[in-house]
Amino acid sequence: MGTWGSGNFDSDTARDYLSSFMDRLVAEVAEVMDGDPVAIEPDEYWGVTVPCQLELLHVLVRAGHTSDTPLRPEVVEKWKKHFMAVWERTIDELEPSREYKEERRAVLVRTFDQLAGAAAERAA
């Protein structure tokens, strides 16, 4: 098809790039979630960046972009269960305020739920 419009994603090359970018995000999150749980503790690199990756994926999926490997809502739910269990088990060690802990928990849950919802809508 080549190019069909003037938008940044209106060409085969751009769509191929975006698909591979999304595939890399999903693969990276999957690898981290299958790895050492210490890596996703709230004060560790992946504990901070995984939610960022999930939000990026959510934005892209909601915008109608797809990847070669469709994101399944049940996978996102599995990630949520694992991530939140680690978070709940370790967050108090950092001595956060009650307000921060409640607000951050809500943001994390919303992040996973939004991505799972968007993935379910795309699958339907």
C-alpha atoms as a PDB file:
ATOM      1  CA  MET A   1       0.000   0.000   0.000  1.00  0.00           C
ATOM      2  CA  GLY A   2       2.909   2.373   0.647  1.00  0.00           C
ATOM      3  CA  THR A   3       1.719   5.772   1.833  1.00  0.00           C
ATOM      4  CA  TRP A   4      -1.951   6.662   2.157  1.00  0.00           C
ATOM      5  CA  GLY A   5      -1.858   9.996   3.958  1.00  0.00           C
ATOM      6  CA  SER A   6       0.270  12.769   5.394  1.00  0.00           C
ATOM      7  CA  GLY A   7       0.108  11.633   9.025  1.00  0.00           C
ATOM      8  CA  ASN A   8       3.094  10.283  10.890  1.00  0.00           C
ATOM      9  CA  PHE A   9       1.634   6.775  10.855  1.00  0.00           C
ATOM     10  CA  ASP A  10       0.070   6.856   7.389  1.00  0.00           C
ATOM     11  CA  SER A  11       2.553   4.562   5.661  1.00  0.00           C
ATOM     12  CA  ASP A  12       3.555   0.931   5.726  1.00  0.00           C
ATOM     13  CA  THR A  13       7.012   1.812   7.040  1.00  0.00           C
ATOM     14  CA  ALA A  14       5.613   3.848   9.922  1.00  0.00           C
ATOM     15  CA  ARG A  15       3.084   1.152  10.802  1.00  0.00           C
ATOM     16  CA  ASP A  16       5.788  -1.511  10.698  1.00  0.00           C
ATOM     17  CA  TYR A  17       7.924   0.584  13.039  1.00  0.00           C
ATOM     18  CA  LEU A  18       5.041   1.166  15.431  1.00  0.00           C
ATOM     19  CA  SER A  19       4.134  -2.517  15.445  1.00  0.00           C
ATOM     20  CA  SER A  20       7.712  -3.534  16.230  1.00  0.00           C
ATOM     21  CA  PHE A  21       7.912  -0.848  18.944  1.00  0.00           C
ATOM     22  CA  MET A  22       4.765  -2.174  20.582  1.00  0.00           C
ATOM     23  CA  ASP A  23       6.033  -5.747  20.273  1.00  0.00           C
ATOM     24  CA  ARG A  24       9.267  -4.727  22.033  1.00  0.00           C
ATOM     25  CA  LEU A  25       7.324  -3.076  24.870  1.00  0.00           C
ATOM     26  CA  VAL A  26       5.171  -6.165  25.366  1.00  0.00           C
ATOM     27  CA  ALA A  27       8.175  -8.510  25.192  1.00  0.00           C
ATOM     28  CA  GLU A  28      10.122  -6.427  27.679  1.00  0.00           C
ATOM     29  CA  VAL A  29       7.240  -6.313  30.168  1.00  0.00           C
ATOM     30  CA  ALA A  30       6.655 -10.054  29.745  1.00  0.00           C
ATOM     31  CA  GLU A  31      10.324 -10.791  30.388  1.00  0.00           C
ATOM     32  CA  VAL A  32      10.401  -8.613  33.490  1.00  0.00           C
ATOM     33  CA  MET A  33       7.189 -10.136  34.835  1.00  0.00           C
ATOM     34  CA  ASP A  34       8.619 -13.632  34.392  1.00  0.00           C
ATOM     35  CA  GLY A  35      11.877 -12.659  36.074  1.00  0.00           C
ATOM     36  CA  ASP A  36      13.023 -12.003  39.623  1.00  0.00           C
ATOM     37  CA  PRO A  37      10.219 -10.252  41.568  1.00  0.00           C
ATOM     38  CA  VAL A  38      12.809  -8.030  43.254  1.00  0.00           C
ATOM     39  CA  ALA A  39      13.178  -6.244  39.913  1.00  0.00           C
ATOM     40  CA  ILE A  40       9.613  -4.906  40.105  1.00  0.00           C
ATOM     41  CA  GLU A  41       9.682  -3.701  43.697  1.00  0.00           C
ATOM     42  CA  PRO A  42       8.461  -0.083  43.967  1.00  0.00           C
ATOM     43  CA  ASP A  43      11.924   1.450  44.288  1.00  0.00           C
ATOM     44  CA  GLU A  44      13.556  -0.600  41.535  1.00  0.00           C
ATOM     45  CA  TYR A  45      13.967   0.448  37.898  1.00  0.00           C
ATOM     46  CA  TRP A  46      11.369  -1.964  36.504  1.00  0.00           C
ATOM     47  CA  GLY A  47       8.991  -1.250  39.360  1.00  0.00           C
ATOM     48  CA  VAL A  48       8.870   2.312  38.081  1.00  0.00           C
ATOM     49  CA  THR A  49       9.153   1.771  34.326  1.00  0.00           C
ATOM     50  CA  VAL A  50       6.725  -1.127  33.810  1.00  0.00           C
ATOM     51  CA  PRO A  51       3.722   1.084  34.606  1.00  0.00           C
ATOM     52  CA  CYS A  52       5.124   3.658  32.162  1.00  0.00           C
ATOM     53  CA  GLN A  53       5.351   0.982  29.479  1.00  0.00           C
ATOM     54  CA  LEU A  54       1.808  -0.166  30.197  1.00  0.00           C
ATOM     55  CA  GLU A  55       0.482   3.362  29.916  1.00  0.00           C
ATOM     56  CA  LEU A  56       2.290   3.860  26.606  1.00  0.00           C
ATOM     57  CA  LEU A  57       0.761   0.637  25.320  1.00  0.00           C
ATOM     58  CA  HIS A  58      -2.668   1.773  26.491  1.00  0.00           C
ATOM     59  CA  VAL A  59      -2.365   5.063  24.620  1.00  0.00           C
ATOM     60  CA  LEU A  60      -1.261   3.290  21.451  1.00  0.00           C
ATOM     61  CA  VAL A  61      -3.968   0.618  21.617  1.00  0.00           C
ATOM     62  CA  ARG A  62      -6.659   3.240  22.309  1.00  0.00           C
ATOM     63  CA  ALA A  63      -5.438   5.198  19.298  1.00  0.00           C
ATOM     64  CA  GLY A  64      -6.142   2.126  17.186  1.00  0.00           C
ATOM     65  CA  HIS A  65      -2.587   0.962  16.681  1.00  0.00           C
ATOM     66  CA  THR A  66      -1.822  -2.732  16.665  1.00  0.00           C
ATOM     67  CA  SER A  67       1.173  -5.008  16.822  1.00  0.00           C
ATOM     68  CA  ASP A  68       2.007  -8.358  15.292  1.00  0.00           C
ATOM     69  CA  THR A  69       1.471  -9.963  18.701  1.00  0.00           C
ATOM     70  CA  PRO A  70      -1.947  -8.897  20.001  1.00  0.00           C
ATOM     71  CA  LEU A  71      -2.005  -8.076  23.694  1.00  0.00           C
ATOM     72  CA  ARG A  72      -4.465 -10.325  25.497  1.00  0.00           C
ATOM     73  CA  PRO A  73      -6.454  -8.969  28.469  1.00  0.00           C
ATOM     74  CA  GLU A  74      -5.872 -12.146  30.494  1.00  0.00           C
ATOM     75  CA  VAL A  75      -2.120 -11.602  30.187  1.00  0.00           C
ATOM     76  CA  VAL A  76      -2.482  -8.041  31.485  1.00  0.00           C
ATOM     77  CA  GLU A  77      -4.580  -9.352  34.394  1.00  0.00           C
ATOM     78  CA  LYS A  78      -1.873 -11.908  35.210  1.00  0.00           C
ATOM     79  CA  TRP A  79       0.748  -9.158  35.146  1.00  0.00           C
ATOM     80  CA  LYS A  80      -1.445  -7.005  37.401  1.00  0.00           C
ATOM     81  CA  LYS A  81      -1.876  -9.750  39.971  1.00  0.00           C
ATOM     82  CA  HIS A  82       1.866 -10.420  40.075  1.00  0.00           C
ATOM     83  CA  PHE A  83       2.972  -6.781  40.053  1.00  0.00           C
ATOM     84  CA  MET A  84       0.479  -5.681  42.691  1.00  0.00           C
ATOM     85  CA  ALA A  85       1.367  -8.603  44.979  1.00  0.00           C
ATOM     86  CA  VAL A  86       5.012  -7.530  44.899  1.00  0.00           C
ATOM     87  CA  TRP A  87       4.035  -3.893  45.376  1.00  0.00           C
ATOM     88  CA  GLU A  88       1.770  -4.647  48.345  1.00  0.00           C
ATOM     89  CA  ARG A  89       4.418  -6.856  49.935  1.00  0.00           C
ATOM     90  CA  THR A  90       7.208  -4.280  49.670  1.00  0.00           C
ATOM     91  CA  ILE A  91       5.790  -0.742  49.609  1.00  0.00           C
ATOM     92  CA  ASP A  92       5.708  -0.314  53.392  1.00  0.00           C
ATOM     93  CA  GLU A  93       9.485  -0.829  53.561  1.00  0.00           C
ATOM     94  CA  LEU A  94       9.804   2.556  51.859  1.00  0.00           C
ATOM     95  CA  GLU A  95       7.680   4.213  54.556  1.00  0.00           C
ATOM     96  CA  PRO A  96       5.370   6.159  52.235  1.00  0.00           C
ATOM     97  CA  SER A  97       2.649   8.389  53.596  1.00  0.00           C
ATOM     98  CA  ARG A  98      -0.775   6.809  53.758  1.00  0.00           C
ATOM     99  CA  GLU A  99      -2.037   9.281  51.160  1.00  0.00           C
ATOM    100  CA  TYR A 100       0.731   8.504  48.690  1.00  0.00           C
ATOM    101  CA  LYS A 101       0.291   4.765  49.157  1.00  0.00           C
ATOM    102  CA  GLU A 102      -3.461   4.953  48.499  1.00  0.00           C
ATOM    103  CA  GLU A 103      -3.072   7.271  45.505  1.00  0.00           C
ATOM    104  CA  ARG A 104      -0.230   5.251  43.967  1.00  0.00           C
ATOM    105  CA  ARG A 105      -2.135   1.973  44.410  1.00  0.00           C
ATOM    106  CA  ALA A 106      -5.137   3.492  42.637  1.00  0.00           C
ATOM    107  CA  VAL A 107      -2.958   4.710  39.754  1.00  0.00           C
ATOM    108  CA  LEU A 108      -1.286   1.320  39.366  1.00  0.00           C
ATOM    109  CA  VAL A 109      -4.580  -0.569  39.387  1.00  0.00           C
ATOM    110  CA  ARG A 110      -6.083   1.899  36.910  1.00  0.00           C
ATOM    111  CA  THR A 111      -3.049   1.531  34.630  1.00  0.00           C
ATOM    112  CA  PHE A 112      -3.406  -2.244  34.424  1.00  0.00           C
ATOM    113  CA  ASP A 113      -7.207  -2.107  34.165  1.00  0.00           C
ATOM    114  CA  GLN A 114      -7.166   0.463  31.363  1.00  0.00           C
ATOM    115  CA  LEU A 115      -4.740  -1.592  29.308  1.00  0.00           C
ATOM    116  CA  ALA A 116      -6.701  -4.794  29.913  1.00  0.00           C
ATOM    117  CA  GLY A 117      -9.911  -3.014  28.891  1.00  0.00           C
ATOM    118  CA  ALA A 118      -8.366  -1.599  25.728  1.00  0.00           C
ATOM    119  CA  ALA A 119      -6.931  -4.999  24.841  1.00  0.00           C
ATOM    120  CA  ALA A 120     -10.345  -6.617  25.366  1.00  0.00           C
ATOM    121  CA  GLU A 121     -12.012  -4.036  23.138  1.00  0.00           C
ATOM    122  CA  ARG A 122      -9.453  -4.632  20.387  1.00  0.00           C
ATOM    123  CA  ALA A 123      -9.939  -8.388  20.671  1.00  0.00           C
ATOM    124  CA  ALA A 124     -13.731  -8.084  20.328  1.00  0.00           C
END
